[in-house]
Amino acid sequence: MTEVTGTAPPLGSDPRLASALAYLAWWLSGGVVWIIERDRPDVRFHAMQSMLAFGTAFLAWATLWGGSFAVLVVSASGFFLLQRLAQLVLLAGFIVWAVCLWQVSRGVEFRLPWFGDLAERLSPTGPNLPQPDQT
């Protein structure tokens, strides 16, 4: 897990803390942890999963929020509908974020549906986490 030279990992020796840092600021911290952590596949997996899941949530929220102002020219009810949808996406993102932080801080190996599989494929040194159908 650590380098052969005996130096400490960049984000400390506790992989749970390093993985939690990957989720702390959504996709931004995931990107930072992905760049910094090179030798711990489990931490890199969580960093990639964070970038994918919360990057998608952020883009969906931003698209709905920005689109609501474009629709405002045509329809006030369309504006409010897109604003509510944007709020729902943000709320769902915060719930998933809290679950991710909770699970990884307890040391539970987990993967989000769809994003976990994609994160493992995109992580060249992905962890050997159990597949959902193997548990």
C-alpha atoms as a PDB file:
ATOM      1  CA  MET A   1       0.000   0.000   0.000  1.00  0.00           C
ATOM      2  CA  THR A   2       2.787   2.468   0.796  1.00  0.00           C
ATOM      3  CA  GLU A   3       5.951   3.074  -1.141  1.00  0.00           C
ATOM      4  CA  VAL A   4       8.800   0.640  -0.769  1.00  0.00           C
ATOM      5  CA  THR A   5      11.144   3.467   0.252  1.00  0.00           C
ATOM      6  CA  GLY A   6       9.393   3.692   3.627  1.00  0.00           C
ATOM      7  CA  THR A   7       8.143   7.249   3.237  1.00  0.00           C
ATOM      8  CA  ALA A   8       4.714   8.092   4.592  1.00  0.00           C
ATOM      9  CA  PRO A   9       1.803   8.426   2.147  1.00  0.00           C
ATOM     10  CA  PRO A  10       1.018  12.027   1.151  1.00  0.00           C
ATOM     11  CA  LEU A  11      -2.257  12.178   3.094  1.00  0.00           C
ATOM     12  CA  GLY A  12      -1.147  10.261   6.167  1.00  0.00           C
ATOM     13  CA  SER A  13      -1.077   6.616   7.056  1.00  0.00           C
ATOM     14  CA  ASP A  14      -4.820   6.174   7.693  1.00  0.00           C
ATOM     15  CA  PRO A  15      -6.527   5.191   4.422  1.00  0.00           C
ATOM     16  CA  ARG A  16      -9.955   5.917   5.941  1.00  0.00           C
ATOM     17  CA  LEU A  17      -8.998   9.542   6.527  1.00  0.00           C
ATOM     18  CA  ALA A  18      -7.479   9.886   3.070  1.00  0.00           C
ATOM     19  CA  SER A  19     -10.585   8.353   1.484  1.00  0.00           C
ATOM     20  CA  ALA A  20     -12.857  10.643   3.506  1.00  0.00           C
ATOM     21  CA  LEU A  21     -10.847  13.632   2.287  1.00  0.00           C
ATOM     22  CA  ALA A  22     -11.661  12.534  -1.269  1.00  0.00           C
ATOM     23  CA  TYR A  23     -15.354  13.103  -0.533  1.00  0.00           C
ATOM     24  CA  LEU A  24     -15.026  16.172   1.681  1.00  0.00           C
ATOM     25  CA  ALA A  25     -15.443  18.844  -1.019  1.00  0.00           C
ATOM     26  CA  TRP A  26     -17.301  16.771  -3.588  1.00  0.00           C
ATOM     27  CA  TRP A  27     -15.518  16.393  -6.930  1.00  0.00           C
ATOM     28  CA  LEU A  28     -12.897  19.062  -6.155  1.00  0.00           C
ATOM     29  CA  SER A  29     -11.341  17.171  -3.264  1.00  0.00           C
ATOM     30  CA  GLY A  30     -11.693  13.941  -5.229  1.00  0.00           C
ATOM     31  CA  GLY A  31      -9.546  15.466  -7.959  1.00  0.00           C
ATOM     32  CA  VAL A  32      -6.924  16.671  -5.497  1.00  0.00           C
ATOM     33  CA  VAL A  33      -6.725  13.294  -3.763  1.00  0.00           C
ATOM     34  CA  TRP A  34      -6.576  11.528  -7.153  1.00  0.00           C
ATOM     35  CA  ILE A  35      -3.548  13.637  -8.092  1.00  0.00           C
ATOM     36  CA  ILE A  36      -1.772  13.358  -4.730  1.00  0.00           C
ATOM     37  CA  GLU A  37      -2.329   9.679  -3.907  1.00  0.00           C
ATOM     38  CA  ARG A  38      -0.466   7.427  -6.324  1.00  0.00           C
ATOM     39  CA  ASP A  39       0.247   4.288  -4.318  1.00  0.00           C
ATOM     40  CA  ARG A  40      -2.993   3.425  -2.536  1.00  0.00           C
ATOM     41  CA  PRO A  41      -5.578   1.915  -4.885  1.00  0.00           C
ATOM     42  CA  ASP A  42      -8.386   2.039  -2.331  1.00  0.00           C
ATOM     43  CA  VAL A  43      -7.926   5.775  -1.802  1.00  0.00           C
ATOM     44  CA  ARG A  44      -7.657   6.410  -5.544  1.00  0.00           C
ATOM     45  CA  PHE A  45     -10.869   4.441  -6.085  1.00  0.00           C
ATOM     46  CA  HIS A  46     -12.768   6.665  -3.643  1.00  0.00           C
ATOM     47  CA  ALA A  47     -11.241   9.767  -5.224  1.00  0.00           C
ATOM     48  CA  MET A  48     -12.406   8.678  -8.680  1.00  0.00           C
ATOM     49  CA  GLN A  49     -15.843   7.692  -7.380  1.00  0.00           C
ATOM     50  CA  SER A  50     -16.138  11.124  -5.769  1.00  0.00           C
ATOM     51  CA  MET A  51     -15.159  12.897  -8.967  1.00  0.00           C
ATOM     52  CA  LEU A  52     -17.641  10.902 -11.039  1.00  0.00           C
ATOM     53  CA  ALA A  53     -20.642  10.921  -8.691  1.00  0.00           C
ATOM     54  CA  PHE A  54     -20.389  14.447  -7.373  1.00  0.00           C
ATOM     55  CA  GLY A  55     -19.134  15.891 -10.629  1.00  0.00           C
ATOM     56  CA  THR A  56     -22.265  14.501 -12.263  1.00  0.00           C
ATOM     57  CA  ALA A  57     -24.471  15.854  -9.470  1.00  0.00           C
ATOM     58  CA  PHE A  58     -22.821  19.264  -9.717  1.00  0.00           C
ATOM     59  CA  LEU A  59     -23.205  19.394 -13.507  1.00  0.00           C
ATOM     60  CA  ALA A  60     -26.860  18.330 -13.279  1.00  0.00           C
ATOM     61  CA  TRP A  61     -27.529  20.991 -10.643  1.00  0.00           C
ATOM     62  CA  ALA A  62     -25.711  23.708 -12.604  1.00  0.00           C
ATOM     63  CA  THR A  63     -27.518  22.783 -15.826  1.00  0.00           C
ATOM     64  CA  LEU A  64     -30.935  22.870 -14.175  1.00  0.00           C
ATOM     65  CA  TRP A  65     -30.171  26.056 -12.279  1.00  0.00           C
ATOM     66  CA  GLY A  66     -28.770  27.855 -15.327  1.00  0.00           C
ATOM     67  CA  GLY A  67     -31.508  26.489 -17.551  1.00  0.00           C
ATOM     68  CA  SER A  68     -34.137  27.840 -15.208  1.00  0.00           C
ATOM     69  CA  PHE A  69     -33.021  31.393 -16.001  1.00  0.00           C
ATOM     70  CA  ALA A  70     -33.085  30.680 -19.731  1.00  0.00           C
ATOM     71  CA  VAL A  71     -36.641  29.332 -19.386  1.00  0.00           C
ATOM     72  CA  LEU A  72     -37.675  32.377 -17.357  1.00  0.00           C
ATOM     73  CA  VAL A  73     -37.860  34.360 -20.593  1.00  0.00           C
ATOM     74  CA  VAL A  74     -40.593  32.008 -21.787  1.00  0.00           C
ATOM     75  CA  SER A  75     -42.354  30.745 -18.663  1.00  0.00           C
ATOM     76  CA  ALA A  76     -42.354  31.633 -14.993  1.00  0.00           C
ATOM     77  CA  SER A  77     -43.741  28.206 -14.093  1.00  0.00           C
ATOM     78  CA  GLY A  78     -40.912  26.556 -16.075  1.00  0.00           C
ATOM     79  CA  PHE A  79     -38.428  28.625 -14.093  1.00  0.00           C
ATOM     80  CA  PHE A  80     -39.869  27.446 -10.782  1.00  0.00           C
ATOM     81  CA  LEU A  81     -40.027  23.839 -11.956  1.00  0.00           C
ATOM     82  CA  LEU A  82     -36.356  23.817 -12.979  1.00  0.00           C
ATOM     83  CA  GLN A  83     -35.397  25.574  -9.744  1.00  0.00           C
ATOM     84  CA  ARG A  84     -37.183  22.881  -7.705  1.00  0.00           C
ATOM     85  CA  LEU A  85     -35.540  20.123  -9.737  1.00  0.00           C
ATOM     86  CA  ALA A  86     -32.148  21.761  -9.148  1.00  0.00           C
ATOM     87  CA  GLN A  87     -32.857  21.822  -5.418  1.00  0.00           C
ATOM     88  CA  LEU A  88     -33.821  18.139  -5.468  1.00  0.00           C
ATOM     89  CA  VAL A  89     -30.594  17.218  -7.274  1.00  0.00           C
ATOM     90  CA  LEU A  90     -28.585  19.199  -4.727  1.00  0.00           C
ATOM     91  CA  LEU A  91     -30.444  17.616  -1.812  1.00  0.00           C
ATOM     92  CA  ALA A  92     -29.925  14.108  -3.220  1.00  0.00           C
ATOM     93  CA  GLY A  93     -26.240  14.925  -3.742  1.00  0.00           C
ATOM     94  CA  PHE A  94     -25.855  16.004  -0.114  1.00  0.00           C
ATOM     95  CA  ILE A  95     -27.563  12.847   1.125  1.00  0.00           C
ATOM     96  CA  VAL A  96     -25.268  10.635  -0.977  1.00  0.00           C
ATOM     97  CA  TRP A  97     -22.294  12.736   0.169  1.00  0.00           C
ATOM     98  CA  ALA A  98     -23.195  12.188   3.836  1.00  0.00           C
ATOM     99  CA  VAL A  99     -23.579   8.436   3.265  1.00  0.00           C
ATOM    100  CA  CYS A 100     -20.205   8.289   1.497  1.00  0.00           C
ATOM    101  CA  LEU A 101     -18.458  10.156   4.301  1.00  0.00           C
ATOM    102  CA  TRP A 102     -20.128   7.992   6.945  1.00  0.00           C
ATOM    103  CA  GLN A 103     -19.314   4.700   5.246  1.00  0.00           C
ATOM    104  CA  VAL A 104     -15.712   5.508   4.422  1.00  0.00           C
ATOM    105  CA  SER A 105     -15.014   6.930   7.896  1.00  0.00           C
ATOM    106  CA  ARG A 106     -16.199   3.606   9.378  1.00  0.00           C
ATOM    107  CA  GLY A 107     -13.888   1.705   7.037  1.00  0.00           C
ATOM    108  CA  VAL A 108     -16.729   0.076   5.094  1.00  0.00           C
ATOM    109  CA  GLU A 109     -15.713  -0.871   1.571  1.00  0.00           C
ATOM    110  CA  PHE A 110     -18.568   0.263  -0.638  1.00  0.00           C
ATOM    111  CA  ARG A 111     -19.284   1.392  -4.137  1.00  0.00           C
ATOM    112  CA  LEU A 112     -22.043   3.590  -5.419  1.00  0.00           C
ATOM    113  CA  PRO A 113     -24.311   2.077  -8.053  1.00  0.00           C
ATOM    114  CA  TRP A 114     -22.948   2.651 -11.555  1.00  0.00           C
ATOM    115  CA  PHE A 115     -20.321   5.180 -10.407  1.00  0.00           C
ATOM    116  CA  GLY A 116     -18.407   2.536  -8.446  1.00  0.00           C
ATOM    117  CA  ASP A 117     -18.056   0.235 -11.439  1.00  0.00           C
ATOM    118  CA  LEU A 118     -17.024   3.116 -13.665  1.00  0.00           C
ATOM    119  CA  ALA A 119     -14.552   4.381 -11.058  1.00  0.00           C
ATOM    120  CA  GLU A 120     -12.922   0.969 -10.868  1.00  0.00           C
ATOM    121  CA  ARG A 121     -12.586   0.799 -14.649  1.00  0.00           C
ATOM    122  CA  LEU A 122     -11.077   4.289 -14.767  1.00  0.00           C
ATOM    123  CA  SER A 123      -8.703   3.635 -11.854  1.00  0.00           C
ATOM    124  CA  PRO A 124      -5.751   1.766 -13.342  1.00  0.00           C
ATOM    125  CA  THR A 125      -4.878   0.467  -9.904  1.00  0.00           C
ATOM    126  CA  GLY A 126      -8.463   0.025  -8.713  1.00  0.00           C
ATOM    127  CA  PRO A 127      -9.122  -1.867  -5.485  1.00  0.00           C
ATOM    128  CA  ASN A 128     -10.445  -5.368  -5.269  1.00  0.00           C
ATOM    129  CA  LEU A 129     -13.758  -4.342  -3.758  1.00  0.00           C
ATOM    130  CA  PRO A 130     -16.489  -6.953  -3.798  1.00  0.00           C
ATOM    131  CA  GLN A 131     -18.944  -6.712  -6.659  1.00  0.00           C
ATOM    132  CA  PRO A 132     -22.541  -6.017  -5.564  1.00  0.00           C
ATOM    133  CA  ASP A 133     -23.750  -9.454  -6.727  1.00  0.00           C
ATOM    134  CA  GLN A 134     -20.936 -11.313  -4.905  1.00  0.00           C
ATOM    135  CA  THR A 135     -21.896 -10.361  -1.345  1.00  0.00           C
END
